[in-house]
Structure formats: C-alpha cells, structure tokens
N, C-alpha and C. Protein backbone atom coordinates (compact mmCIF):
# COMPACT_ATOMS: atom_id res chain seq x y z
N MET A 1 -4.09 -27.18 9.18
CA MET A 1 -3.79 -25.86 9.70
C MET A 1 -2.84 -25.15 8.72
N ALA A 2 -3.13 -23.87 8.45
CA ALA A 2 -2.31 -23.08 7.54
C ALA A 2 -0.96 -22.77 8.18
N LYS A 3 0.07 -22.70 7.34
CA LYS A 3 1.41 -22.37 7.82
C LYS A 3 1.64 -20.88 7.70
N GLY A 4 2.43 -20.32 8.60
CA GLY A 4 2.78 -18.91 8.56
C GLY A 4 3.75 -18.61 7.43
N THR A 5 3.96 -17.34 7.18
CA THR A 5 4.83 -16.90 6.09
C THR A 5 5.76 -15.81 6.60
N VAL A 6 7.02 -15.87 6.21
CA VAL A 6 7.99 -14.82 6.48
C VAL A 6 8.45 -14.27 5.14
N VAL A 7 8.40 -12.95 5.00
CA VAL A 7 8.81 -12.30 3.76
C VAL A 7 9.91 -11.29 4.07
N ARG A 8 10.99 -11.37 3.34
CA ARG A 8 12.07 -10.39 3.46
C ARG A 8 11.79 -9.29 2.44
N ALA A 9 11.37 -8.12 2.92
CA ALA A 9 10.95 -7.03 2.04
C ALA A 9 12.04 -6.66 1.03
N ALA A 10 13.30 -6.73 1.42
CA ALA A 10 14.40 -6.37 0.52
C ALA A 10 14.47 -7.31 -0.68
N ALA A 11 13.90 -8.51 -0.58
CA ALA A 11 13.94 -9.48 -1.67
C ALA A 11 12.71 -9.41 -2.56
N VAL A 12 11.77 -8.52 -2.26
CA VAL A 12 10.53 -8.41 -3.04
C VAL A 12 10.72 -7.38 -4.15
N LYS A 13 10.26 -7.72 -5.33
CA LYS A 13 10.37 -6.83 -6.49
C LYS A 13 9.47 -5.61 -6.29
N THR A 14 9.98 -4.45 -6.65
CA THR A 14 9.24 -3.20 -6.54
C THR A 14 8.50 -2.93 -7.85
N LEU A 15 7.23 -2.59 -7.74
CA LEU A 15 6.45 -2.13 -8.88
C LEU A 15 6.51 -0.61 -8.88
N VAL A 16 7.07 -0.03 -9.92
CA VAL A 16 7.11 1.41 -10.05
C VAL A 16 5.82 1.82 -10.77
N VAL A 17 4.94 2.46 -10.02
CA VAL A 17 3.65 2.88 -10.58
C VAL A 17 3.85 4.12 -11.44
N ASP A 18 4.53 5.11 -10.91
CA ASP A 18 4.88 6.33 -11.63
C ASP A 18 6.00 7.01 -10.84
N GLU A 19 6.35 8.24 -11.19
CA GLU A 19 7.47 8.92 -10.52
C GLU A 19 7.15 9.28 -9.07
N THR A 20 5.89 9.14 -8.64
CA THR A 20 5.52 9.52 -7.28
C THR A 20 5.31 8.34 -6.34
N TYR A 21 5.15 7.12 -6.89
CA TYR A 21 4.76 6.00 -6.03
C TYR A 21 5.31 4.68 -6.54
N SER A 22 5.86 3.90 -5.60
CA SER A 22 6.30 2.53 -5.86
C SER A 22 5.69 1.62 -4.81
N SER A 23 5.63 0.33 -5.12
CA SER A 23 4.88 -0.58 -4.27
C SER A 23 5.53 -1.96 -4.25
N LYS A 24 5.55 -2.57 -3.06
CA LYS A 24 5.99 -3.95 -2.91
C LYS A 24 4.85 -4.74 -2.24
N MET A 25 4.33 -5.73 -2.93
CA MET A 25 3.32 -6.61 -2.33
C MET A 25 4.04 -7.58 -1.41
N LEU A 26 3.73 -7.52 -0.12
CA LEU A 26 4.42 -8.36 0.84
C LEU A 26 3.64 -9.62 1.21
N ILE A 27 2.35 -9.48 1.44
CA ILE A 27 1.52 -10.63 1.81
C ILE A 27 0.20 -10.56 1.06
N ASP A 28 -0.12 -11.62 0.36
CA ASP A 28 -1.46 -11.84 -0.19
C ASP A 28 -1.59 -13.33 -0.44
N ASP A 29 -2.61 -13.73 -1.17
CA ASP A 29 -2.86 -15.17 -1.33
C ASP A 29 -1.91 -15.85 -2.31
N THR A 30 -1.02 -15.11 -2.98
CA THR A 30 -0.07 -15.76 -3.89
C THR A 30 1.17 -16.27 -3.17
N ASN A 31 1.47 -15.72 -2.00
CA ASN A 31 2.68 -16.15 -1.29
C ASN A 31 2.41 -16.59 0.15
N SER A 32 1.14 -16.69 0.52
CA SER A 32 0.81 -17.13 1.87
C SER A 32 -0.56 -17.80 1.86
N ALA A 33 -0.94 -18.32 3.00
CA ALA A 33 -2.21 -19.02 3.11
C ALA A 33 -3.36 -18.08 3.49
N THR A 34 -3.15 -16.77 3.38
CA THR A 34 -4.21 -15.84 3.76
C THR A 34 -5.39 -15.92 2.81
N ARG A 35 -6.55 -15.70 3.36
CA ARG A 35 -7.77 -15.54 2.57
C ARG A 35 -8.39 -14.19 2.88
N ASN A 36 -7.77 -13.45 3.80
CA ASN A 36 -8.46 -12.27 4.32
C ASN A 36 -7.66 -10.97 4.38
N VAL A 37 -6.39 -10.99 4.06
CA VAL A 37 -5.62 -9.77 4.27
C VAL A 37 -4.60 -9.57 3.14
N GLN A 38 -4.31 -8.30 2.89
CA GLN A 38 -3.27 -7.94 1.93
C GLN A 38 -2.39 -6.89 2.59
N LEU A 39 -1.07 -7.09 2.53
CA LEU A 39 -0.12 -6.16 3.13
C LEU A 39 0.85 -5.70 2.05
N ASN A 40 0.98 -4.40 1.91
CA ASN A 40 1.79 -3.79 0.87
C ASN A 40 2.73 -2.77 1.51
N MET A 41 3.93 -2.61 0.94
CA MET A 41 4.83 -1.53 1.33
C MET A 41 4.75 -0.49 0.22
N GLY A 42 4.36 0.72 0.57
CA GLY A 42 4.28 1.81 -0.39
C GLY A 42 5.39 2.82 -0.15
N ILE A 43 5.99 3.29 -1.24
CA ILE A 43 7.05 4.30 -1.15
C ILE A 43 6.57 5.53 -1.91
N VAL A 44 6.37 6.63 -1.18
CA VAL A 44 5.90 7.88 -1.77
C VAL A 44 7.10 8.80 -1.94
N ALA A 45 7.30 9.28 -3.16
CA ALA A 45 8.47 10.10 -3.48
C ALA A 45 8.46 11.41 -2.70
N PRO A 46 9.64 12.00 -2.49
CA PRO A 46 9.72 13.29 -1.80
C PRO A 46 8.80 14.33 -2.45
N GLY A 47 8.00 14.99 -1.61
CA GLY A 47 7.10 16.05 -2.07
C GLY A 47 5.88 15.59 -2.83
N ALA A 48 5.72 14.30 -3.05
CA ALA A 48 4.58 13.80 -3.84
C ALA A 48 3.27 13.94 -3.07
N LYS A 49 2.23 14.29 -3.80
CA LYS A 49 0.88 14.43 -3.24
C LYS A 49 -0.06 13.61 -4.10
N HIS A 50 -0.81 12.73 -3.46
CA HIS A 50 -1.77 11.91 -4.18
C HIS A 50 -3.17 12.45 -3.96
N PRO A 51 -3.98 12.45 -5.00
CA PRO A 51 -5.32 13.05 -4.91
C PRO A 51 -6.28 12.20 -4.08
N ASP A 52 -7.36 12.84 -3.66
CA ASP A 52 -8.41 12.12 -2.95
C ASP A 52 -8.97 11.01 -3.82
N HIS A 53 -9.21 9.88 -3.19
CA HIS A 53 -9.84 8.75 -3.86
C HIS A 53 -10.53 7.91 -2.79
N HIS A 54 -11.31 6.93 -3.22
CA HIS A 54 -11.94 6.04 -2.26
C HIS A 54 -11.99 4.63 -2.82
N HIS A 55 -12.16 3.69 -1.92
CA HIS A 55 -12.34 2.29 -2.28
C HIS A 55 -13.79 1.92 -1.97
N ASP A 56 -14.23 0.83 -2.53
CA ASP A 56 -15.55 0.30 -2.25
C ASP A 56 -15.72 0.12 -0.73
N GLU A 57 -16.94 0.24 -0.26
CA GLU A 57 -17.21 0.11 1.18
C GLU A 57 -16.80 -1.24 1.76
N ALA A 58 -16.62 -2.24 0.92
CA ALA A 58 -16.24 -3.58 1.40
C ALA A 58 -14.78 -3.66 1.83
N TYR A 59 -13.98 -2.60 1.53
CA TYR A 59 -12.54 -2.67 1.77
C TYR A 59 -12.08 -1.61 2.77
N ASP A 60 -11.95 -1.99 4.03
CA ASP A 60 -11.28 -1.13 5.00
C ASP A 60 -9.79 -1.17 4.69
N GLU A 61 -9.09 -0.09 5.06
CA GLU A 61 -7.65 -0.02 4.83
C GLU A 61 -7.00 0.64 6.05
N ALA A 62 -5.76 0.27 6.32
CA ALA A 62 -5.00 0.92 7.38
C ALA A 62 -3.62 1.25 6.84
N TYR A 63 -3.08 2.39 7.27
CA TYR A 63 -1.71 2.77 6.97
C TYR A 63 -0.91 2.70 8.26
N LEU A 64 0.27 2.14 8.20
CA LEU A 64 1.25 2.25 9.27
C LEU A 64 2.40 3.06 8.69
N ILE A 65 2.65 4.21 9.26
CA ILE A 65 3.71 5.07 8.77
C ILE A 65 5.03 4.52 9.30
N HIS A 66 5.87 4.04 8.39
CA HIS A 66 7.12 3.40 8.77
C HIS A 66 8.28 4.40 8.84
N ARG A 67 8.37 5.28 7.83
CA ARG A 67 9.46 6.25 7.80
C ARG A 67 8.97 7.53 7.13
N GLY A 68 9.24 8.65 7.78
CA GLY A 68 8.89 9.95 7.21
C GLY A 68 7.70 10.61 7.90
N ARG A 69 7.28 11.72 7.29
CA ARG A 69 6.13 12.49 7.77
C ARG A 69 5.19 12.71 6.60
N ALA A 70 3.90 12.70 6.89
CA ALA A 70 2.92 12.83 5.82
C ALA A 70 1.73 13.63 6.29
N MET A 71 0.98 14.11 5.32
CA MET A 71 -0.35 14.65 5.56
C MET A 71 -1.31 13.61 4.98
N VAL A 72 -2.23 13.17 5.82
CA VAL A 72 -3.28 12.25 5.38
C VAL A 72 -4.60 13.01 5.50
N ARG A 73 -5.35 13.03 4.41
CA ARG A 73 -6.67 13.65 4.43
C ARG A 73 -7.73 12.55 4.44
N LEU A 74 -8.60 12.60 5.45
CA LEU A 74 -9.69 11.64 5.60
C LEU A 74 -11.01 12.40 5.54
N ASP A 75 -11.78 12.15 4.49
CA ASP A 75 -13.07 12.83 4.32
C ASP A 75 -12.95 14.33 4.54
N GLY A 76 -11.91 14.93 3.96
CA GLY A 76 -11.73 16.38 3.99
C GLY A 76 -10.98 16.93 5.18
N VAL A 77 -10.67 16.11 6.17
CA VAL A 77 -9.95 16.56 7.36
C VAL A 77 -8.49 16.13 7.25
N GLU A 78 -7.57 17.10 7.37
CA GLU A 78 -6.15 16.81 7.24
C GLU A 78 -5.52 16.49 8.59
N HIS A 79 -4.63 15.48 8.58
CA HIS A 79 -3.92 15.04 9.78
C HIS A 79 -2.45 14.89 9.43
N GLU A 80 -1.56 15.48 10.23
CA GLU A 80 -0.13 15.22 10.07
C GLU A 80 0.20 13.95 10.83
N VAL A 81 0.94 13.06 10.16
CA VAL A 81 1.33 11.79 10.77
C VAL A 81 2.83 11.59 10.56
N GLU A 82 3.40 10.73 11.39
CA GLU A 82 4.84 10.46 11.31
C GLU A 82 5.10 9.01 11.62
N ALA A 83 6.36 8.60 11.52
CA ALA A 83 6.75 7.22 11.75
C ALA A 83 6.16 6.71 13.07
N GLY A 84 5.55 5.54 13.00
CA GLY A 84 4.93 4.92 14.16
C GLY A 84 3.44 5.15 14.24
N ASP A 85 2.91 6.16 13.54
CA ASP A 85 1.48 6.44 13.57
C ASP A 85 0.72 5.46 12.68
N VAL A 86 -0.54 5.24 13.03
CA VAL A 86 -1.43 4.34 12.29
C VAL A 86 -2.68 5.11 11.89
N VAL A 87 -3.14 4.89 10.67
CA VAL A 87 -4.33 5.56 10.15
C VAL A 87 -5.32 4.49 9.73
N PHE A 88 -6.56 4.57 10.22
CA PHE A 88 -7.62 3.65 9.79
C PHE A 88 -8.50 4.38 8.78
N ILE A 89 -8.73 3.73 7.64
CA ILE A 89 -9.52 4.30 6.56
C ILE A 89 -10.71 3.37 6.29
N PRO A 90 -11.90 3.74 6.79
CA PRO A 90 -13.05 2.88 6.54
C PRO A 90 -13.37 2.80 5.05
N GLY A 91 -13.84 1.66 4.61
CA GLY A 91 -14.25 1.50 3.22
C GLY A 91 -15.22 2.60 2.84
N GLY A 92 -15.06 3.13 1.63
CA GLY A 92 -15.93 4.19 1.14
C GLY A 92 -15.48 5.58 1.50
N SER A 93 -14.50 5.73 2.39
CA SER A 93 -14.02 7.06 2.80
C SER A 93 -13.13 7.66 1.73
N MET A 94 -13.26 8.97 1.53
CA MET A 94 -12.34 9.69 0.66
C MET A 94 -11.05 9.88 1.45
N HIS A 95 -9.90 9.63 0.78
CA HIS A 95 -8.62 9.79 1.47
C HIS A 95 -7.53 10.13 0.47
N ALA A 96 -6.49 10.77 0.99
CA ALA A 96 -5.33 11.16 0.20
C ALA A 96 -4.12 11.19 1.11
N ILE A 97 -2.92 11.13 0.49
CA ILE A 97 -1.69 11.20 1.27
C ILE A 97 -0.69 12.08 0.53
N ALA A 98 0.11 12.81 1.30
CA ALA A 98 1.16 13.65 0.73
C ALA A 98 2.41 13.50 1.59
N ASN A 99 3.55 13.34 0.94
CA ASN A 99 4.82 13.28 1.63
C ASN A 99 5.24 14.71 1.97
N LEU A 100 5.42 15.02 3.25
CA LEU A 100 5.76 16.37 3.68
C LEU A 100 7.23 16.72 3.50
N SER A 101 8.06 15.73 3.22
CA SER A 101 9.49 16.00 3.00
C SER A 101 9.75 16.23 1.51
N GLU A 102 10.60 17.18 1.22
CA GLU A 102 11.03 17.43 -0.17
C GLU A 102 12.30 16.65 -0.52
N THR A 103 12.88 15.94 0.47
CA THR A 103 14.14 15.24 0.24
C THR A 103 14.13 13.76 0.58
N GLU A 104 13.21 13.32 1.42
CA GLU A 104 13.19 11.92 1.88
C GLU A 104 11.94 11.20 1.40
N GLU A 105 12.08 9.91 1.12
CA GLU A 105 10.92 9.09 0.77
C GLU A 105 10.05 8.88 2.01
N LEU A 106 8.77 8.72 1.78
CA LEU A 106 7.81 8.32 2.81
C LEU A 106 7.54 6.84 2.58
N VAL A 107 7.72 6.03 3.63
CA VAL A 107 7.48 4.60 3.52
C VAL A 107 6.31 4.25 4.43
N ILE A 108 5.29 3.65 3.83
CA ILE A 108 4.11 3.25 4.59
C ILE A 108 3.79 1.79 4.30
N PHE A 109 3.19 1.14 5.26
CA PHE A 109 2.63 -0.19 5.04
C PHE A 109 1.12 0.00 4.95
N THR A 110 0.52 -0.58 3.93
CA THR A 110 -0.93 -0.51 3.78
C THR A 110 -1.49 -1.90 3.97
N VAL A 111 -2.55 -1.99 4.73
CA VAL A 111 -3.20 -3.27 5.01
C VAL A 111 -4.65 -3.17 4.57
N TRP A 112 -5.05 -4.10 3.73
CA TRP A 112 -6.46 -4.19 3.31
C TRP A 112 -7.12 -5.32 4.08
N SER A 113 -8.37 -5.13 4.42
CA SER A 113 -9.10 -6.08 5.25
C SER A 113 -9.51 -7.33 4.49
N ARG A 114 -9.36 -7.32 3.19
CA ARG A 114 -9.65 -8.51 2.39
C ARG A 114 -8.89 -8.40 1.08
N LEU A 115 -8.79 -9.49 0.39
CA LEU A 115 -8.08 -9.49 -0.89
C LEU A 115 -8.92 -8.74 -1.93
N PRO A 116 -8.29 -7.90 -2.73
CA PRO A 116 -9.06 -7.10 -3.69
C PRO A 116 -9.53 -7.91 -4.89
N GLU A 117 -10.75 -7.65 -5.27
CA GLU A 117 -11.28 -8.21 -6.51
C GLU A 117 -10.86 -7.28 -7.65
N PRO A 118 -10.87 -7.75 -8.89
CA PRO A 118 -10.49 -6.89 -10.01
C PRO A 118 -11.26 -5.56 -9.98
N GLY A 119 -10.52 -4.46 -10.16
CA GLY A 119 -11.12 -3.14 -10.15
C GLY A 119 -11.17 -2.47 -8.80
N ALA A 120 -10.88 -3.20 -7.72
CA ALA A 120 -10.97 -2.63 -6.38
C ALA A 120 -9.71 -1.84 -6.00
N ASN A 121 -8.56 -2.20 -6.58
CA ASN A 121 -7.29 -1.56 -6.22
C ASN A 121 -6.46 -1.43 -7.50
N SER A 122 -6.32 -0.21 -7.98
CA SER A 122 -5.65 0.00 -9.27
C SER A 122 -4.18 -0.43 -9.25
N VAL A 123 -3.50 -0.28 -8.13
CA VAL A 123 -2.09 -0.70 -8.06
C VAL A 123 -2.00 -2.23 -8.12
N TYR A 124 -2.88 -2.91 -7.42
CA TYR A 124 -2.92 -4.38 -7.47
C TYR A 124 -3.22 -4.84 -8.90
N ASP A 125 -4.18 -4.18 -9.55
CA ASP A 125 -4.52 -4.52 -10.93
C ASP A 125 -3.33 -4.30 -11.87
N LEU A 126 -2.60 -3.20 -11.69
CA LEU A 126 -1.44 -2.91 -12.52
C LEU A 126 -0.38 -3.99 -12.36
N ARG A 127 -0.17 -4.42 -11.14
CA ARG A 127 0.80 -5.48 -10.87
C ARG A 127 0.42 -6.76 -11.63
N LEU A 128 -0.85 -7.10 -11.62
CA LEU A 128 -1.31 -8.29 -12.35
C LEU A 128 -1.13 -8.11 -13.85
N GLN A 129 -1.41 -6.92 -14.36
CA GLN A 129 -1.23 -6.63 -15.78
C GLN A 129 0.23 -6.77 -16.20
N GLN A 130 1.13 -6.20 -15.43
CA GLN A 130 2.54 -6.18 -15.81
C GLN A 130 3.25 -7.51 -15.55
N TRP A 131 2.91 -8.18 -14.45
CA TRP A 131 3.63 -9.37 -14.06
C TRP A 131 2.84 -10.66 -14.22
N GLY A 132 1.53 -10.57 -14.36
CA GLY A 132 0.71 -11.76 -14.42
C GLY A 132 0.36 -12.32 -13.05
N ARG A 133 0.89 -11.72 -12.02
CA ARG A 133 0.60 -12.09 -10.63
C ARG A 133 0.97 -10.93 -9.73
N SER A 134 0.63 -11.02 -8.47
CA SER A 134 0.80 -9.88 -7.59
C SER A 134 2.13 -9.86 -6.84
N TYR A 135 2.79 -10.98 -6.72
CA TYR A 135 4.00 -11.07 -5.90
C TYR A 135 5.15 -11.63 -6.73
N ARG A 136 6.27 -10.93 -6.68
CA ARG A 136 7.50 -11.41 -7.32
C ARG A 136 8.68 -11.05 -6.45
N THR A 137 9.72 -11.85 -6.57
CA THR A 137 10.96 -11.52 -5.88
C THR A 137 11.93 -10.89 -6.88
N ILE A 138 12.98 -10.26 -6.37
CA ILE A 138 13.95 -9.62 -7.24
C ILE A 138 14.74 -10.63 -8.06
N ASP A 139 14.74 -11.89 -7.65
CA ASP A 139 15.46 -12.94 -8.39
C ASP A 139 14.67 -13.48 -9.56
N GLU A 140 13.38 -13.18 -9.64
CA GLU A 140 12.53 -13.68 -10.72
C GLU A 140 12.54 -12.73 -11.90
N GLU A 141 12.48 -13.25 -13.06
CA GLU A 141 12.34 -12.43 -14.28
C GLU A 141 11.26 -12.93 -15.14
C-alpha cells in the first residue's frame, strides 16, 4: 500500500517563470507515490494577464483560488472568481487567467488529472530543464 505525503509549501523552492508567474510543485511522482495527479501552487503577479492557451485533451485541470480575485476565461467566456472558488478546465479547452488586483498577488492551486508527459506543460518542462527534476525544497542547491 502506498504511503501518504505531507508537503509544507513554505519549504518548497519557487520556480520563477517570468515577472508575471511563479510556481511551486507540491505533489507529483518525485515526492509522493502518486501515479495520477499533479498539484502546483501558482503565484500570479499583481495585474498580470496570461494569454489563452490549451492543453492536450488528455489533461483535465482544476484551479482552486486560494487568495485574491481573478478573471478566468474558458472557451471565450469570462468569469470573475475569488478565494474559495474552483474552476474546472476540461482537456483541450482554451483558457486564460488574469489577476484583477494591481497590488496583491493571486495565489491558485492547479491540479492536473495525470502527470504531464514532456511537452504537455511548459512550466513543468521548464522546471525539469532548470533543476533536472520537478520538486525541490528551499534547503537544496
């Protein structure tokens, strides 16, 4: 039987993607016994807007809005969301997110329905390129 995993988000190394987005990989197959899920903490800079994009149909995604307010566009329809709201993004759907605050970070948790293969998630791929793996703690160099 697989053992559970507890991760202290404050101890996870942040990947700075660019001035608009940072990411902490919290759960995947490098630090837990999962074969089916990936959980990430995303930090969207104040006022940042990310363009529409989509993932392969094999990858459903969900956002849990942890802190802040955002506009989420799903297949051209805009929705205002706030802390506590959940967004389901079916694989293949066009989607985008924008932080509605000009002063506060937007913090979201993103959950993928399966572990990404190379090319499926550019942030995951960048983490592998820079670190050689997807999960690191702040104590590792």
